[in-house]
Amino acid sequence: IPSSWDNLRIMGATAREMLREAAAQEWFVPVSECIAREGTVVHTPSNRAFLYGDLINTANQVEAPKEVDLKNLSNYRIIGFAKERLD
């Protein structure tokens, strides 16, 4: 993973933006009002939410952005932290 780190970050950020755009299209709202968090896209003014899986068909029709903002490392909540195993 270390050699692919930057590419994985870009792919994740691209998917996030495509899911935000898909939710905005479904709700007919500006994408700026939509945030991705914990496996959902939330419309912040109304607190409506879609699970990522519910947006797959719409997101598949969204054009991938050419450039994306990467999450700041200080905002990571999983990578870099010890987590209890689920199995």
PDB file of N, CA and C in Angstrom:
ATOM      1  N   ILE A   1       0.814  -1.204   0.000  1.00  0.00           N
ATOM      2  CA  ILE A   1       0.000   0.000   0.000  1.00  0.00           C
ATOM      3  C   ILE A   1       0.855   1.265   0.000  1.00  0.00           C
ATOM      4  N   PRO A   2       2.002   1.299   0.667  1.00  0.00           N
ATOM      5  CA  PRO A   2       2.767   2.549   0.687  1.00  0.00           C
ATOM      6  C   PRO A   2       3.050   3.123  -0.700  1.00  0.00           C
ATOM      7  N   SER A   3       3.358   2.264  -1.666  1.00  0.00           N
ATOM      8  CA  SER A   3       3.667   2.777  -3.005  1.00  0.00           C
ATOM      9  C   SER A   3       2.420   3.248  -3.745  1.00  0.00           C
ATOM     10  N   SER A   4       1.244   2.836  -3.290  1.00  0.00           N
ATOM     11  CA  SER A   4      -0.012   3.220  -3.949  1.00  0.00           C
ATOM     12  C   SER A   4      -0.796   4.257  -3.160  1.00  0.00           C
ATOM     13  N   TRP A   5      -0.245   4.719  -2.044  1.00  0.00           N
ATOM     14  CA  TRP A   5      -0.965   5.591  -1.124  1.00  0.00           C
ATOM     15  C   TRP A   5      -1.612   6.794  -1.811  1.00  0.00           C
ATOM     16  N   ASP A   6      -0.850   7.538  -2.590  1.00  0.00           N
ATOM     17  CA  ASP A   6      -1.404   8.733  -3.232  1.00  0.00           C
ATOM     18  C   ASP A   6      -2.529   8.372  -4.195  1.00  0.00           C
ATOM     19  N   ASN A   7      -2.342   7.314  -4.978  1.00  0.00           N
ATOM     20  CA  ASN A   7      -3.392   6.898  -5.917  1.00  0.00           C
ATOM     21  C   ASN A   7      -4.652   6.456  -5.187  1.00  0.00           C
ATOM     22  N   LEU A   8      -4.505   5.733  -4.085  1.00  0.00           N
ATOM     23  CA  LEU A   8      -5.666   5.302  -3.310  1.00  0.00           C
ATOM     24  C   LEU A   8      -6.404   6.499  -2.715  1.00  0.00           C
ATOM     25  N   ARG A   9      -5.672   7.484  -2.238  1.00  0.00           N
ATOM     26  CA  ARG A   9      -6.309   8.693  -1.699  1.00  0.00           C
ATOM     27  C   ARG A   9      -7.102   9.416  -2.786  1.00  0.00           C
ATOM     28  N   ILE A  10      -6.520   9.517  -3.977  1.00  0.00           N
ATOM     29  CA  ILE A  10      -7.200  10.190  -5.088  1.00  0.00           C
ATOM     30  C   ILE A  10      -8.447   9.415  -5.494  1.00  0.00           C
ATOM     31  N   MET A  11      -8.346   8.088  -5.569  1.00  0.00           N
ATOM     32  CA  MET A  11      -9.518   7.278  -5.937  1.00  0.00           C
ATOM     33  C   MET A  11     -10.632   7.412  -4.904  1.00  0.00           C
ATOM     34  N   GLY A  12     -10.274   7.386  -3.633  1.00  0.00           N
ATOM     35  CA  GLY A  12     -11.277   7.545  -2.588  1.00  0.00           C
ATOM     36  C   GLY A  12     -11.946   8.907  -2.638  1.00  0.00           C
ATOM     37  N   ALA A  13     -11.159   9.947  -2.841  1.00  0.00           N
ATOM     38  CA  ALA A  13     -11.707  11.299  -2.923  1.00  0.00           C
ATOM     39  C   ALA A  13     -12.585  11.461  -4.159  1.00  0.00           C
ATOM     40  N   THR A  14     -12.201  10.822  -5.252  1.00  0.00           N
ATOM     41  CA  THR A  14     -13.009  10.878  -6.475  1.00  0.00           C
ATOM     42  C   THR A  14     -14.351  10.202  -6.244  1.00  0.00           C
ATOM     43  N   ALA A  15     -14.338   9.025  -5.631  1.00  0.00           N
ATOM     44  CA  ALA A  15     -15.589   8.322  -5.325  1.00  0.00           C
ATOM     45  C   ALA A  15     -16.466   9.162  -4.403  1.00  0.00           C
ATOM     46  N   ARG A  16     -15.858   9.777  -3.389  1.00  0.00           N
ATOM     47  CA  ARG A  16     -16.609  10.632  -2.460  1.00  0.00           C
ATOM     48  C   ARG A  16     -17.323  11.755  -3.208  1.00  0.00           C
ATOM     49  N   GLU A  17     -16.609  12.433  -4.104  1.00  0.00           N
ATOM     50  CA  GLU A  17     -17.205  13.550  -4.833  1.00  0.00           C
ATOM     51  C   GLU A  17     -18.296  13.083  -5.794  1.00  0.00           C
ATOM     52  N   MET A  18     -18.112  11.923  -6.397  1.00  0.00           N
ATOM     53  CA  MET A  18     -19.145  11.389  -7.287  1.00  0.00           C
ATOM     54  C   MET A  18     -20.398  11.018  -6.495  1.00  0.00           C
ATOM     55  N   LEU A  19     -20.236  10.487  -5.299  1.00  0.00           N
ATOM     56  CA  LEU A  19     -21.382  10.163  -4.447  1.00  0.00           C
ATOM     57  C   LEU A  19     -22.084  11.430  -3.967  1.00  0.00           C
ATOM     58  N   ARG A  20     -21.328  12.458  -3.623  1.00  0.00           N
ATOM     59  CA  ARG A  20     -21.935  13.738  -3.230  1.00  0.00           C
ATOM     60  C   ARG A  20     -22.740  14.324  -4.384  1.00  0.00           C
ATOM     61  N   GLU A  21     -22.176  14.281  -5.581  1.00  0.00           N
ATOM     62  CA  GLU A  21     -22.870  14.794  -6.764  1.00  0.00           C
ATOM     63  C   GLU A  21     -24.137  13.989  -7.035  1.00  0.00           C
ATOM     64  N   ALA A  22     -24.060  12.678  -6.896  1.00  0.00           N
ATOM     65  CA  ALA A  22     -25.233  11.828  -7.118  1.00  0.00           C
ATOM     66  C   ALA A  22     -26.346  12.176  -6.133  1.00  0.00           C
ATOM     67  N   ALA A  23     -26.000  12.351  -4.873  1.00  0.00           N
ATOM     68  CA  ALA A  23     -27.006  12.714  -3.874  1.00  0.00           C
ATOM     69  C   ALA A  23     -27.613  14.074  -4.187  1.00  0.00           C
ATOM     70  N   ALA A  24     -26.779  15.022  -4.559  1.00  0.00           N
ATOM     71  CA  ALA A  24     -27.279  16.360  -4.911  1.00  0.00           C
ATOM     72  C   ALA A  24     -28.262  16.280  -6.075  1.00  0.00           C
ATOM     73  N   GLN A  25     -27.971  15.450  -7.054  1.00  0.00           N
ATOM     74  CA  GLN A  25     -28.888  15.283  -8.188  1.00  0.00           C
ATOM     75  C   GLN A  25     -30.205  14.662  -7.740  1.00  0.00           C
ATOM     76  N   GLU A  26     -30.136  13.666  -6.876  1.00  0.00           N
ATOM     77  CA  GLU A  26     -31.356  13.004  -6.385  1.00  0.00           C
ATOM     78  C   GLU A  26     -32.239  13.969  -5.596  1.00  0.00           C
ATOM     79  N   TRP A  27     -31.612  14.847  -4.829  1.00  0.00           N
ATOM     80  CA  TRP A  27     -32.357  15.784  -3.995  1.00  0.00           C
ATOM     81  C   TRP A  27     -32.614  17.124  -4.675  1.00  0.00           C
ATOM     82  N   PHE A  28     -32.024  17.344  -5.851  1.00  0.00           N
ATOM     83  CA  PHE A  28     -32.141  18.631  -6.551  1.00  0.00           C
ATOM     84  C   PHE A  28     -31.644  19.782  -5.673  1.00  0.00           C
ATOM     85  N   VAL A  29     -30.463  19.586  -5.103  1.00  0.00           N
ATOM     86  CA  VAL A  29     -29.846  20.593  -4.235  1.00  0.00           C
ATOM     87  C   VAL A  29     -28.412  20.829  -4.701  1.00  0.00           C
ATOM     88  N   PRO A  30     -27.788  21.921  -4.278  1.00  0.00           N
ATOM     89  CA  PRO A  30     -26.374  22.142  -4.613  1.00  0.00           C
ATOM     90  C   PRO A  30     -25.479  21.101  -3.931  1.00  0.00           C
ATOM     91  N   VAL A  31     -24.485  20.636  -4.643  1.00  0.00           N
ATOM     92  CA  VAL A  31     -23.560  19.651  -4.073  1.00  0.00           C
ATOM     93  C   VAL A  31     -22.842  20.220  -2.854  1.00  0.00           C
ATOM     94  N   SER A  32     -22.702  21.520  -2.776  1.00  0.00           N
ATOM     95  CA  SER A  32     -22.036  22.149  -1.628  1.00  0.00           C
ATOM     96  C   SER A  32     -22.798  21.920  -0.323  1.00  0.00           C
ATOM     97  N   GLU A  33     -24.069  21.529  -0.410  1.00  0.00           N
ATOM     98  CA  GLU A  33     -24.870  21.257   0.783  1.00  0.00           C
ATOM     99  C   GLU A  33     -24.795  19.796   1.219  1.00  0.00           C
ATOM    100  N   CYS A  34     -24.010  18.999   0.517  1.00  0.00           N
ATOM    101  CA  CYS A  34     -23.926  17.562   0.793  1.00  0.00           C
ATOM    102  C   CYS A  34     -22.544  17.199   1.316  1.00  0.00           C
ATOM    103  N   ILE A  35     -22.524  16.408   2.381  1.00  0.00           N
ATOM    104  CA  ILE A  35     -21.254  15.938   2.927  1.00  0.00           C
ATOM    105  C   ILE A  35     -21.272  14.410   2.995  1.00  0.00           C
ATOM    106  N   ALA A  36     -20.096  13.830   2.857  1.00  0.00           N
ATOM    107  CA  ALA A  36     -19.945  12.380   2.984  1.00  0.00           C
ATOM    108  C   ALA A  36     -19.395  12.080   4.366  1.00  0.00           C
ATOM    109  N   ARG A  37     -20.066  11.158   5.071  1.00  0.00           N
ATOM    110  CA  ARG A  37     -19.566  10.757   6.383  1.00  0.00           C
ATOM    111  C   ARG A  37     -20.147   9.400   6.775  1.00  0.00           C
ATOM    112  N   GLU A  38     -19.303   8.565   7.301  1.00  0.00           N
ATOM    113  CA  GLU A  38     -19.697   7.273   7.869  1.00  0.00           C
ATOM    114  C   GLU A  38     -20.586   6.448   6.940  1.00  0.00           C
ATOM    115  N   GLY A  39     -20.202   6.343   5.680  1.00  0.00           N
ATOM    116  CA  GLY A  39     -20.933   5.506   4.739  1.00  0.00           C
ATOM    117  C   GLY A  39     -22.214   6.104   4.207  1.00  0.00           C
ATOM    118  N   THR A  40     -22.408   7.407   4.438  1.00  0.00           N
ATOM    119  CA  THR A  40     -23.604   8.083   3.948  1.00  0.00           C
ATOM    120  C   THR A  40     -23.235   9.419   3.317  1.00  0.00           C
ATOM    121  N   VAL A  41     -24.165   9.938   2.525  1.00  0.00           N
ATOM    122  CA  VAL A  41     -24.081  11.326   2.074  1.00  0.00           C
ATOM    123  C   VAL A  41     -25.260  12.032   2.721  1.00  0.00           C
ATOM    124  N   VAL A  42     -24.976  13.101   3.428  1.00  0.00           N
ATOM    125  CA  VAL A  42     -25.986  13.835   4.190  1.00  0.00           C
ATOM    126  C   VAL A  42     -26.203  15.200   3.565  1.00  0.00           C
ATOM    127  N   HIS A  43     -27.491  15.566   3.414  1.00  0.00           N
ATOM    128  CA  HIS A  43     -27.849  16.928   3.009  1.00  0.00           C
ATOM    129  C   HIS A  43     -27.918  17.729   4.305  1.00  0.00           C
ATOM    130  N   THR A  44     -26.934  18.585   4.532  1.00  0.00           N
ATOM    131  CA  THR A  44     -26.808  19.229   5.836  1.00  0.00           C
ATOM    132  C   THR A  44     -27.993  20.110   6.234  1.00  0.00           C
ATOM    133  N   PRO A  45     -28.616  20.883   5.330  1.00  0.00           N
ATOM    134  CA  PRO A  45     -29.742  21.701   5.782  1.00  0.00           C
ATOM    135  C   PRO A  45     -30.948  20.884   6.265  1.00  0.00           C
ATOM    136  N   SER A  46     -31.207  19.733   5.634  1.00  0.00           N
ATOM    137  CA  SER A  46     -32.397  18.956   5.995  1.00  0.00           C
ATOM    138  C   SER A  46     -32.074  17.706   6.809  1.00  0.00           C
ATOM    139  N   ASN A  47     -30.802  17.340   6.891  1.00  0.00           N
ATOM    140  CA  ASN A  47     -30.340  16.132   7.567  1.00  0.00           C
ATOM    141  C   ASN A  47     -30.821  14.842   6.892  1.00  0.00           C
ATOM    142  N   ARG A  48     -31.289  14.933   5.638  1.00  0.00           N
ATOM    143  CA  ARG A  48     -31.621  13.719   4.884  1.00  0.00           C
ATOM    144  C   ARG A  48     -30.323  12.994   4.579  1.00  0.00           C
ATOM    145  N   ALA A  49     -30.395  11.670   4.422  1.00  0.00           N
ATOM    146  CA  ALA A  49     -29.174  10.907   4.154  1.00  0.00           C
ATOM    147  C   ALA A  49     -29.454   9.749   3.208  1.00  0.00           C
ATOM    148  N   PHE A  50     -28.468   9.451   2.383  1.00  0.00           N
ATOM    149  CA  PHE A  50     -28.446   8.266   1.537  1.00  0.00           C
ATOM    150  C   PHE A  50     -27.267   7.411   1.973  1.00  0.00           C
ATOM    151  N   LEU A  51     -27.451   6.103   2.015  1.00  0.00           N
ATOM    152  CA  LEU A  51     -26.316   5.202   2.134  1.00  0.00           C
ATOM    153  C   LEU A  51     -25.569   5.222   0.813  1.00  0.00           C
ATOM    154  N   TYR A  52     -24.255   5.021   0.851  1.00  0.00           N
ATOM    155  CA  TYR A  52     -23.480   5.007  -0.392  1.00  0.00           C
ATOM    156  C   TYR A  52     -24.086   4.027  -1.395  1.00  0.00           C
ATOM    157  N   GLY A  53     -24.471   2.853  -0.936  1.00  0.00           N
ATOM    158  CA  GLY A  53     -25.018   1.836  -1.833  1.00  0.00           C
ATOM    159  C   GLY A  53     -26.277   2.276  -2.548  1.00  0.00           C
ATOM    160  N   ASP A  54     -27.062   3.143  -1.921  1.00  0.00           N
ATOM    161  CA  ASP A  54     -28.292   3.640  -2.543  1.00  0.00           C
ATOM    162  C   ASP A  54     -28.010   4.608  -3.682  1.00  0.00           C
ATOM    163  N   LEU A  55     -26.782   5.085  -3.778  1.00  0.00           N
ATOM    164  CA  LEU A  55     -26.428   6.083  -4.792  1.00  0.00           C
ATOM    165  C   LEU A  55     -25.639   5.506  -5.959  1.00  0.00           C
ATOM    166  N   ILE A  56     -25.368   4.209  -5.931  1.00  0.00           N
ATOM    167  CA  ILE A  56     -24.491   3.608  -6.937  1.00  0.00           C
ATOM    168  C   ILE A  56     -24.986   3.848  -8.353  1.00  0.00           C
ATOM    169  N   ASN A  57     -26.260   3.617  -8.622  1.00  0.00           N
ATOM    170  CA  ASN A  57     -26.764   3.778  -9.993  1.00  0.00           C
ATOM    171  C   ASN A  57     -26.630   5.212 -10.483  1.00  0.00           C
ATOM    172  N   THR A  58     -26.961   6.173  -9.645  1.00  0.00           N
ATOM    173  CA  THR A  58     -26.840   7.577 -10.041  1.00  0.00           C
ATOM    174  C   THR A  58     -25.373   7.974 -10.150  1.00  0.00           C
ATOM    175  N   ALA A  59     -24.562   7.565  -9.188  1.00  0.00           N
ATOM    176  CA  ALA A  59     -23.135   7.917  -9.209  1.00  0.00           C
ATOM    177  C   ALA A  59     -22.440   7.336 -10.432  1.00  0.00           C
ATOM    178  N   ASN A  60     -22.916   6.195 -10.900  1.00  0.00           N
ATOM    179  CA  ASN A  60     -22.334   5.568 -12.088  1.00  0.00           C
ATOM    180  C   ASN A  60     -22.524   6.435 -13.333  1.00  0.00           C
ATOM    181  N   GLN A  61     -23.498   7.324 -13.314  1.00  0.00           N
ATOM    182  CA  GLN A  61     -23.780   8.207 -14.440  1.00  0.00           C
ATOM    183  C   GLN A  61     -23.069   9.558 -14.313  1.00  0.00           C
ATOM    184  N   VAL A  62     -22.478   9.816 -13.156  1.00  0.00           N
ATOM    185  CA  VAL A  62     -21.793  11.085 -12.897  1.00  0.00           C
ATOM    186  C   VAL A  62     -20.388  11.029 -13.490  1.00  0.00           C
ATOM    187  N   GLU A  63     -19.992  12.101 -14.144  1.00  0.00           N
ATOM    188  CA  GLU A  63     -18.633  12.172 -14.680  1.00  0.00           C
ATOM    189  C   GLU A  63     -17.644  12.367 -13.532  1.00  0.00           C
ATOM    190  N   ALA A  64     -16.580  11.603 -13.564  1.00  0.00           N
ATOM    191  CA  ALA A  64     -15.557  11.720 -12.519  1.00  0.00           C
ATOM    192  C   ALA A  64     -14.886  13.086 -12.607  1.00  0.00           C
ATOM    193  N   PRO A  65     -14.718  13.750 -11.462  1.00  0.00           N
ATOM    194  CA  PRO A  65     -14.037  15.048 -11.487  1.00  0.00           C
ATOM    195  C   PRO A  65     -12.578  14.879 -11.896  1.00  0.00           C
ATOM    196  N   LYS A  66     -12.054  15.868 -12.575  1.00  0.00           N
ATOM    197  CA  LYS A  66     -10.658  15.818 -13.021  1.00  0.00           C
ATOM    198  C   LYS A  66      -9.694  16.055 -11.856  1.00  0.00           C
ATOM    199  N   GLU A  67     -10.111  16.867 -10.895  1.00  0.00           N
ATOM    200  CA  GLU A  67      -9.304  17.149  -9.707  1.00  0.00           C
ATOM    201  C   GLU A  67     -10.192  17.068  -8.477  1.00  0.00           C
ATOM    202  N   VAL A  68      -9.626  16.593  -7.384  1.00  0.00           N
ATOM    203  CA  VAL A  68     -10.373  16.486  -6.130  1.00  0.00           C
ATOM    204  C   VAL A  68      -9.516  16.995  -4.979  1.00  0.00           C
ATOM    205  N   ASP A  69     -10.184  17.459  -3.941  1.00  0.00           N
ATOM    206  CA  ASP A  69      -9.491  17.835  -2.714  1.00  0.00           C
ATOM    207  C   ASP A  69      -9.317  16.581  -1.871  1.00  0.00           C
ATOM    208  N   LEU A  70      -8.111  16.357  -1.395  1.00  0.00           N
ATOM    209  CA  LEU A  70      -7.845  15.203  -0.551  1.00  0.00           C
ATOM    210  C   LEU A  70      -8.111  15.550   0.906  1.00  0.00           C
ATOM    211  N   LYS A  71      -8.590  14.557   1.641  1.00  0.00           N
ATOM    212  CA  LYS A  71      -8.858  14.744   3.059  1.00  0.00           C
ATOM    213  C   LYS A  71      -7.552  15.079   3.778  1.00  0.00           C
ATOM    214  N   ASN A  72      -7.609  16.044   4.663  1.00  0.00           N
ATOM    215  CA  ASN A  72      -6.459  16.404   5.478  1.00  0.00           C
ATOM    216  C   ASN A  72      -6.148  15.239   6.422  1.00  0.00           C
ATOM    217  N   LEU A  73      -4.883  14.900   6.543  1.00  0.00           N
ATOM    218  CA  LEU A  73      -4.490  13.769   7.390  1.00  0.00           C
ATOM    219  C   LEU A  73      -4.980  13.925   8.828  1.00  0.00           C
ATOM    220  N   SER A  74      -5.129  15.129   9.304  1.00  0.00           N
ATOM    221  CA  SER A  74      -5.601  15.346  10.676  1.00  0.00           C
ATOM    222  C   SER A  74      -7.074  14.980  10.839  1.00  0.00           C
ATOM    223  N   ASN A  75      -7.793  14.801   9.725  1.00  0.00           N
ATOM    224  CA  ASN A  75      -9.205  14.426   9.784  1.00  0.00           C
ATOM    225  C   ASN A  75      -9.426  12.922   9.695  1.00  0.00           C
ATOM    226  N   TYR A  76      -8.361  12.150   9.603  1.00  0.00           N
ATOM    227  CA  TYR A  76      -8.500  10.692   9.537  1.00  0.00           C
ATOM    228  C   TYR A  76      -9.011  10.165  10.868  1.00  0.00           C
ATOM    229  N   ARG A  77      -9.915   9.197  10.798  1.00  0.00           N
ATOM    230  CA  ARG A  77     -10.467   8.596  12.002  1.00  0.00           C
ATOM    231  C   ARG A  77     -10.210   7.094  12.066  1.00  0.00           C
ATOM    232  N   ILE A  78      -9.724   6.506  10.972  1.00  0.00           N
ATOM    233  CA  ILE A  78      -9.458   5.068  10.951  1.00  0.00           C
ATOM    234  C   ILE A  78      -7.977   4.811  10.719  1.00  0.00           C
ATOM    235  N   ILE A  79      -7.451   5.315   9.614  1.00  0.00           N
ATOM    236  CA  ILE A  79      -6.040   5.105   9.292  1.00  0.00           C
ATOM    237  C   ILE A  79      -5.177   5.815  10.331  1.00  0.00           C
ATOM    238  N   GLY A  80      -4.216   5.072  10.863  1.00  0.00           N
ATOM    239  CA  GLY A  80      -3.311   5.639  11.858  1.00  0.00           C
ATOM    240  C   GLY A  80      -3.777   5.453  13.292  1.00  0.00           C
ATOM    241  N   PHE A  81      -4.899   4.766  13.473  1.00  0.00           N
ATOM    242  CA  PHE A  81      -5.430   4.531  14.811  1.00  0.00           C
ATOM    243  C   PHE A  81      -5.631   3.037  15.022  1.00  0.00           C
ATOM    244  N   ALA A  82      -5.341   2.575  16.216  1.00  0.00           N
ATOM    245  CA  ALA A  82      -5.581   1.171  16.544  1.00  0.00           C
ATOM    246  C   ALA A  82      -7.088   0.937  16.620  1.00  0.00           C
ATOM    247  N   LYS A  83      -7.537  -0.134  15.991  1.00  0.00           N
ATOM    248  CA  LYS A  83      -8.959  -0.486  16.009  1.00  0.00           C
ATOM    249  C   LYS A  83      -9.107  -1.924  16.480  1.00  0.00           C
ATOM    250  N   GLU A  84     -10.157  -2.182  17.222  1.00  0.00           N
ATOM    251  CA  GLU A  84     -10.442  -3.534  17.675  1.00  0.00           C
ATOM    252  C   GLU A  84     -10.878  -4.390  16.491  1.00  0.00           C
ATOM    253  N   ARG A  85     -10.375  -5.601  16.428  1.00  0.00           N
ATOM    254  CA  ARG A  85     -10.747  -6.524  15.351  1.00  0.00           C
ATOM    255  C   ARG A  85     -12.205  -6.930  15.494  1.00  0.00           C
ATOM    256  N   LEU A  86     -12.864  -7.143  14.369  1.00  0.00           N
ATOM    257  CA  LEU A  86     -14.260  -7.555  14.381  1.00  0.00           C
ATOM    258  C   LEU A  86     -14.426  -9.067  14.314  1.00  0.00           C
ATOM    259  N   ASP A  87     -13.355  -9.784  13.948  1.00  0.00           N
ATOM    260  CA  ASP A  87     -13.482 -11.243  13.838  1.00  0.00           C
ATOM    261  C   ASP A  87     -12.900 -11.972  15.021  1.00  0.00           C
TER     262      ASP A  87
END
